[in-house]
């Protein structure tokens, strides 16, 4: 009898350990926009507070993340778009109620040299410059000089992200020069009065460069949060409401916290704000 109780106790203990191990593992799948640079930084900071948590991150696209969530293969699907009708229908058919959490906004500012007289462009003009159909500043109200186009390298998610947001997914001009960081683009534009590029919104305030108004809209956190600025898209987390673990909720709370949102902003994204705070954020 004692041996039987010991065996039962051992089985229960092993089960508890297995459950505990599962609860301290977080699996995130989905968007490359989140997973390339922002995700690893947030995970690193979160694990500094919770070193016992193992976080598995996969970035194969929003669609794969949502599919994995609906198949029970991840805790969080990171997404740079909303769920489409097919995905919503599949969730309903499986009896899954999803929850959505806003991480922040992928947003880029088009910038020119501070000495460039051009300070405003339409979205069409931006597309024509970056695709190479417009090659001289005189075509958009500037001086008669060749436009030097500066872009991120093809390994960067931003390379594709800007194409999707600003160029209708058309290819970049073959004359475009590639750079490995926003900082490098900002430095190139600062050094050349005829250069144009794009950077994270936090870089747009650097000396020697200036952000370009797009369709009359100045890039700002307020404009992004209110959906006015065109070169931005929300980054979200989706979860299965019935399967949220304590560590899932802890990670989401961290990402939406002041510390998490500071990282979001440092990485060149626009942070989320409660609607009541939006009007007080124009200082950025």
Protein backbone atom coordinates (compact mmCIF):
# COMPACT_ATOMS: atom_id res chain seq x y z
CA UNK A 1 0.00 0.00 0.00
CA UNK A 2 2.85 2.36 0.91
CA UNK A 3 4.53 1.58 -2.40
CA UNK A 4 1.28 2.35 -4.23
CA UNK A 5 1.00 5.74 -2.47
CA UNK A 6 4.62 6.49 -3.33
CA UNK A 7 3.97 5.67 -6.98
CA UNK A 8 0.86 7.87 -7.04
CA UNK A 9 2.79 10.72 -5.37
CA UNK A 10 5.61 10.35 -7.91
CA UNK A 11 3.15 10.41 -10.83
CA UNK A 12 1.43 13.53 -9.48
CA UNK A 13 4.79 15.22 -8.90
CA UNK A 14 5.97 14.46 -12.42
CA UNK A 15 2.69 15.76 -13.83
CA UNK A 16 3.02 18.96 -11.78
CA UNK A 17 6.57 19.41 -13.00
CA UNK A 18 5.45 18.93 -16.60
CA UNK A 19 2.65 21.46 -16.17
CA UNK A 20 5.05 23.88 -14.48
CA UNK A 21 7.58 23.51 -17.31
CA UNK A 22 4.85 24.12 -19.89
CA UNK A 23 3.65 27.20 -18.02
CA UNK A 24 7.15 28.68 -18.12
CA UNK A 25 7.58 28.19 -21.85
CA UNK A 26 6.20 30.78 -24.25
CA UNK A 27 5.88 30.12 -27.98
CA UNK A 28 5.44 33.10 -30.31
CA UNK A 29 4.99 32.64 -34.05
CA UNK A 30 4.15 35.01 -36.85
CA UNK A 31 5.10 38.39 -38.24
CA UNK A 32 8.60 39.10 -39.49
CA UNK A 33 7.93 42.78 -38.75
CA UNK A 34 7.75 41.86 -35.07
CA UNK A 35 10.14 38.95 -35.07
CA UNK A 36 13.16 40.36 -36.87
CA UNK A 37 14.41 42.96 -34.38
CA UNK A 38 11.68 44.14 -32.01
CA UNK A 39 10.68 40.69 -30.76
CA UNK A 40 14.18 39.59 -29.73
CA UNK A 41 14.77 42.87 -27.87
CA UNK A 42 11.49 42.58 -25.96
CA UNK A 43 12.13 38.93 -25.16
CA UNK A 44 15.63 39.70 -23.89
CA UNK A 45 14.30 42.40 -21.56
CA UNK A 46 11.43 40.19 -20.37
CA UNK A 47 13.74 37.27 -19.61
CA UNK A 48 15.98 39.58 -17.59
CA UNK A 49 12.98 39.90 -15.25
CA UNK A 50 11.85 36.28 -15.62
CA UNK A 51 15.05 34.26 -16.25
CA UNK A 52 13.26 30.95 -15.77
CA UNK A 53 11.04 31.49 -18.82
CA UNK A 54 11.99 29.93 -22.14
CA UNK A 55 10.69 31.91 -25.12
CA UNK A 56 10.59 30.32 -28.56
CA UNK A 57 10.24 32.85 -31.40
CA UNK A 58 9.48 31.96 -35.01
CA UNK A 59 9.06 34.59 -37.75
CA UNK A 60 7.62 33.13 -40.92
CA UNK A 61 4.85 35.64 -41.51
CA UNK A 62 1.54 36.70 -40.00
CA UNK A 63 -0.46 33.99 -41.80
CA UNK A 64 1.71 31.19 -40.40
CA UNK A 65 1.43 32.62 -36.90
CA UNK A 66 -2.35 32.80 -36.98
CA UNK A 67 -2.56 29.31 -38.47
CA UNK A 68 -0.32 28.02 -35.67
CA UNK A 69 -2.46 29.72 -33.02
CA UNK A 70 -5.65 28.20 -34.40
CA UNK A 71 -3.95 24.79 -34.51
CA UNK A 72 -2.84 25.10 -30.88
CA UNK A 73 0.84 25.26 -31.81
CA UNK A 74 1.75 28.58 -30.19
CA UNK A 75 0.71 30.82 -27.32
CA UNK A 76 0.89 34.11 -29.21
CA UNK A 77 0.51 34.89 -32.89
CA UNK A 78 2.30 38.13 -33.75
CA UNK A 79 0.62 39.92 -36.63
CA UNK A 80 1.16 42.99 -38.78
CA UNK A 81 -2.40 42.86 -40.10
CA UNK A 82 -5.83 41.98 -38.75
CA UNK A 83 -7.21 38.48 -39.08
CA UNK A 84 -8.90 38.01 -42.44
CA UNK A 85 -12.35 36.54 -43.04
CA UNK A 86 -11.05 33.03 -43.71
CA UNK A 87 -9.08 33.04 -40.46
CA UNK A 88 -12.02 34.40 -38.47
CA UNK A 89 -14.29 31.76 -39.99
CA UNK A 90 -11.81 28.99 -39.12
CA UNK A 91 -11.58 30.27 -35.54
CA UNK A 92 -15.37 30.21 -35.21
CA UNK A 93 -15.60 26.73 -36.66
CA UNK A 94 -13.14 25.49 -34.03
CA UNK A 95 -14.87 27.30 -31.20
CA UNK A 96 -11.85 29.54 -30.60
CA UNK A 97 -12.35 33.01 -29.17
CA UNK A 98 -9.30 35.13 -29.88
CA UNK A 99 -8.08 38.13 -27.94
CA UNK A 100 -6.17 41.00 -29.53
CA UNK A 101 -3.45 43.11 -27.92
CA UNK A 102 -1.84 46.14 -29.53
CA UNK A 103 1.98 46.10 -29.40
CA UNK A 104 2.66 49.34 -31.27
CA UNK A 105 3.00 50.55 -34.82
CA UNK A 106 5.56 49.81 -37.47
CA UNK A 107 6.06 53.29 -38.89
CA UNK A 108 8.70 54.95 -41.03
CA UNK A 109 9.42 58.59 -41.81
CA UNK A 110 10.61 59.66 -45.23
CA UNK A 111 13.49 62.08 -44.62
CA UNK A 112 15.54 64.53 -46.66
CA UNK A 113 18.51 66.75 -45.92
CA UNK A 114 17.67 69.76 -43.77
CA UNK A 115 18.87 72.02 -46.59
CA UNK A 116 16.54 70.51 -49.17
CA UNK A 117 13.70 72.94 -50.02
CA UNK A 118 11.27 70.02 -50.50
CA UNK A 119 9.37 69.45 -47.27
CA UNK A 120 6.20 67.77 -48.47
CA UNK A 121 5.40 64.99 -50.94
CA UNK A 122 2.32 63.07 -51.96
CA UNK A 123 2.26 59.31 -51.58
CA UNK A 124 2.35 59.06 -55.38
CA UNK A 125 5.50 61.20 -55.56
CA UNK A 126 7.18 59.03 -52.94
CA UNK A 127 6.34 55.90 -54.92
CA UNK A 128 7.71 57.42 -58.11
CA UNK A 129 10.96 58.48 -56.43
CA UNK A 130 11.67 55.13 -54.80
CA UNK A 131 10.75 53.12 -57.89
CA UNK A 132 12.95 55.36 -60.06
CA UNK A 133 10.26 56.89 -62.25
CA UNK A 134 11.18 60.32 -60.85
CA UNK A 135 14.93 60.86 -60.78
CA UNK A 136 15.31 64.64 -60.34
CA UNK A 137 14.21 66.92 -57.55
CA UNK A 138 12.79 69.41 -60.04
CA UNK A 139 9.99 66.91 -60.75
CA UNK A 140 8.67 67.39 -57.19
CA UNK A 141 9.29 71.11 -56.71
CA UNK A 142 12.96 71.03 -55.78
CA UNK A 143 16.14 72.14 -57.49
CA UNK A 144 17.39 70.65 -60.76
CA UNK A 145 19.54 67.87 -59.32
CA UNK A 146 19.56 64.08 -59.35
CA UNK A 147 17.79 62.33 -56.46
CA UNK A 148 19.95 59.95 -54.42
CA UNK A 149 17.72 57.19 -53.01
CA UNK A 150 18.81 55.50 -49.75
CA UNK A 151 17.07 52.31 -48.55
CA UNK A 152 17.53 49.43 -46.12
CA UNK A 153 19.31 46.29 -47.28
CA UNK A 154 17.28 43.31 -48.51
CA UNK A 155 17.95 41.30 -45.32
CA UNK A 156 15.97 43.83 -43.31
CA UNK A 157 12.24 43.42 -42.83
CA UNK A 158 11.97 47.16 -43.38
CA UNK A 159 13.20 46.71 -46.96
CA UNK A 160 10.03 44.79 -47.77
CA UNK A 161 7.85 46.71 -45.30
CA UNK A 162 8.43 50.05 -47.01
CA UNK A 163 7.77 48.48 -50.42
CA UNK A 164 4.42 47.23 -49.14
CA UNK A 165 3.44 50.46 -47.38
CA UNK A 166 4.69 53.09 -49.81
CA UNK A 167 5.35 51.50 -53.18
CA UNK A 168 2.46 49.15 -53.89
CA UNK A 169 5.04 46.35 -53.63
CA UNK A 170 6.83 47.58 -56.76
CA UNK A 171 10.60 47.05 -56.92
CA UNK A 172 13.05 49.71 -55.81
CA UNK A 173 14.96 51.70 -58.39
CA UNK A 174 18.18 49.85 -59.36
CA UNK A 175 20.05 53.06 -58.52
CA UNK A 176 19.05 52.88 -54.84
CA UNK A 177 21.90 52.60 -52.34
CA UNK A 178 21.43 50.11 -49.51
CA UNK A 179 22.34 50.57 -45.85
CA UNK A 180 22.36 48.20 -42.89
CA UNK A 181 20.60 50.47 -40.39
CA UNK A 182 18.35 53.49 -40.04
CA UNK A 183 21.26 55.32 -38.45
CA UNK A 184 23.36 54.77 -41.57
CA UNK A 185 20.57 56.08 -43.79
CA UNK A 186 20.17 59.15 -41.58
CA UNK A 187 23.92 59.81 -41.78
CA UNK A 188 23.90 59.51 -45.59
CA UNK A 189 20.97 61.92 -45.91
CA UNK A 190 22.55 64.36 -43.47
CA UNK A 191 25.72 64.40 -45.60
CA UNK A 192 24.03 64.91 -48.99
CA UNK A 193 21.53 67.66 -49.77
CA UNK A 194 20.13 65.60 -52.67
CA UNK A 195 19.54 62.37 -50.73
CA UNK A 196 16.24 60.90 -49.58
CA UNK A 197 15.62 57.87 -47.42
CA UNK A 198 13.38 56.41 -44.74
CA UNK A 199 14.05 55.86 -41.05
CA UNK A 200 12.25 54.90 -37.86
CA UNK A 201 10.28 57.80 -36.49
CA UNK A 202 12.69 58.27 -33.59
CA UNK A 203 15.54 58.98 -36.02
CA UNK A 204 13.61 61.67 -37.91
CA UNK A 205 14.43 64.28 -35.27
CA UNK A 206 18.20 63.95 -35.76
CA UNK A 207 20.02 67.14 -36.67
CA UNK A 208 20.79 67.69 -40.33
CA UNK A 209 17.71 65.87 -41.63
CA UNK A 210 14.00 66.61 -41.66
CA UNK A 211 10.89 64.44 -41.95
CA UNK A 212 8.77 64.96 -45.05
CA UNK A 213 5.05 65.57 -44.73
CA UNK A 214 3.11 62.94 -46.69
CA UNK A 215 -0.18 64.15 -48.18
CA UNK A 216 0.06 67.05 -45.75
CA UNK A 217 0.42 64.78 -42.69
CA UNK A 218 3.44 65.17 -40.43
CA UNK A 219 4.77 61.84 -39.09
CA UNK A 220 4.06 61.72 -35.36
CA UNK A 221 2.85 59.26 -32.73
CA UNK A 222 -0.51 61.02 -32.67
CA UNK A 223 -0.94 60.80 -36.45
CA UNK A 224 0.01 57.12 -36.38
CA UNK A 225 -2.27 56.20 -33.48
CA UNK A 226 -5.20 57.99 -35.11
CA UNK A 227 -4.61 56.26 -38.45
CA UNK A 228 -3.80 59.46 -40.35
CA UNK A 229 -0.20 58.80 -41.35
CA UNK A 230 0.01 56.43 -44.34
CA UNK A 231 3.35 54.71 -43.72
CA UNK A 232 2.38 52.83 -40.59
CA UNK A 233 0.65 49.61 -39.64
CA UNK A 234 -0.34 48.17 -36.30
CA UNK A 235 1.56 45.24 -34.82
CA UNK A 236 -0.67 43.03 -32.70
CA UNK A 237 -0.68 39.89 -30.62
CA UNK A 238 -3.48 37.35 -30.99
CA UNK A 239 -4.12 34.72 -28.34
CA UNK A 240 -6.62 31.92 -27.78
CA UNK A 241 -8.59 33.33 -24.84
CA UNK A 242 -9.20 29.87 -23.38
CA UNK A 243 -5.51 28.92 -23.44
CA UNK A 244 -3.75 32.00 -22.11
CA UNK A 245 -1.15 30.92 -19.56
CA UNK A 246 0.19 33.08 -16.72
CA UNK A 247 3.48 33.56 -18.58
CA UNK A 248 1.60 34.57 -21.75
CA UNK A 249 -0.27 37.24 -19.83
CA UNK A 250 2.94 38.35 -18.08
CA UNK A 251 4.75 38.83 -21.38
CA UNK A 252 1.88 40.81 -22.88
CA UNK A 253 1.70 43.01 -19.78
CA UNK A 254 5.43 43.64 -20.07
CA UNK A 255 5.22 44.57 -23.77
CA UNK A 256 2.40 47.02 -23.05
CA UNK A 257 4.09 48.43 -19.96
CA UNK A 258 6.12 51.63 -19.84
CA UNK A 259 9.38 49.65 -20.03
CA UNK A 260 8.15 47.56 -22.95
CA UNK A 261 6.85 50.56 -24.85
CA UNK A 262 10.17 52.35 -24.31
CA UNK A 263 11.82 49.46 -26.19
CA UNK A 264 9.16 49.67 -28.90
CA UNK A 265 10.04 53.32 -29.42
CA UNK A 266 13.81 52.72 -29.23
CA UNK A 267 13.47 50.18 -32.03
CA UNK A 268 11.93 52.79 -34.32
CA UNK A 269 8.29 51.78 -33.87
CA UNK A 270 5.54 54.11 -32.71
CA UNK A 271 4.32 53.09 -29.24
CA UNK A 272 0.70 52.48 -28.35
CA UNK A 273 -1.19 54.98 -26.23
CA UNK A 274 -4.45 54.95 -24.40
CA UNK A 275 -6.91 57.17 -26.25
CA UNK A 276 -7.05 59.61 -23.31
CA UNK A 277 -3.29 60.19 -23.58
CA UNK A 278 -3.07 60.73 -27.32
CA UNK A 279 -3.54 64.47 -27.25
CA UNK A 280 -0.61 64.85 -24.86
CA UNK A 281 1.97 63.05 -27.03
CA UNK A 282 2.73 65.61 -29.70
CA UNK A 283 6.00 66.55 -28.02
CA UNK A 284 7.77 63.69 -29.82
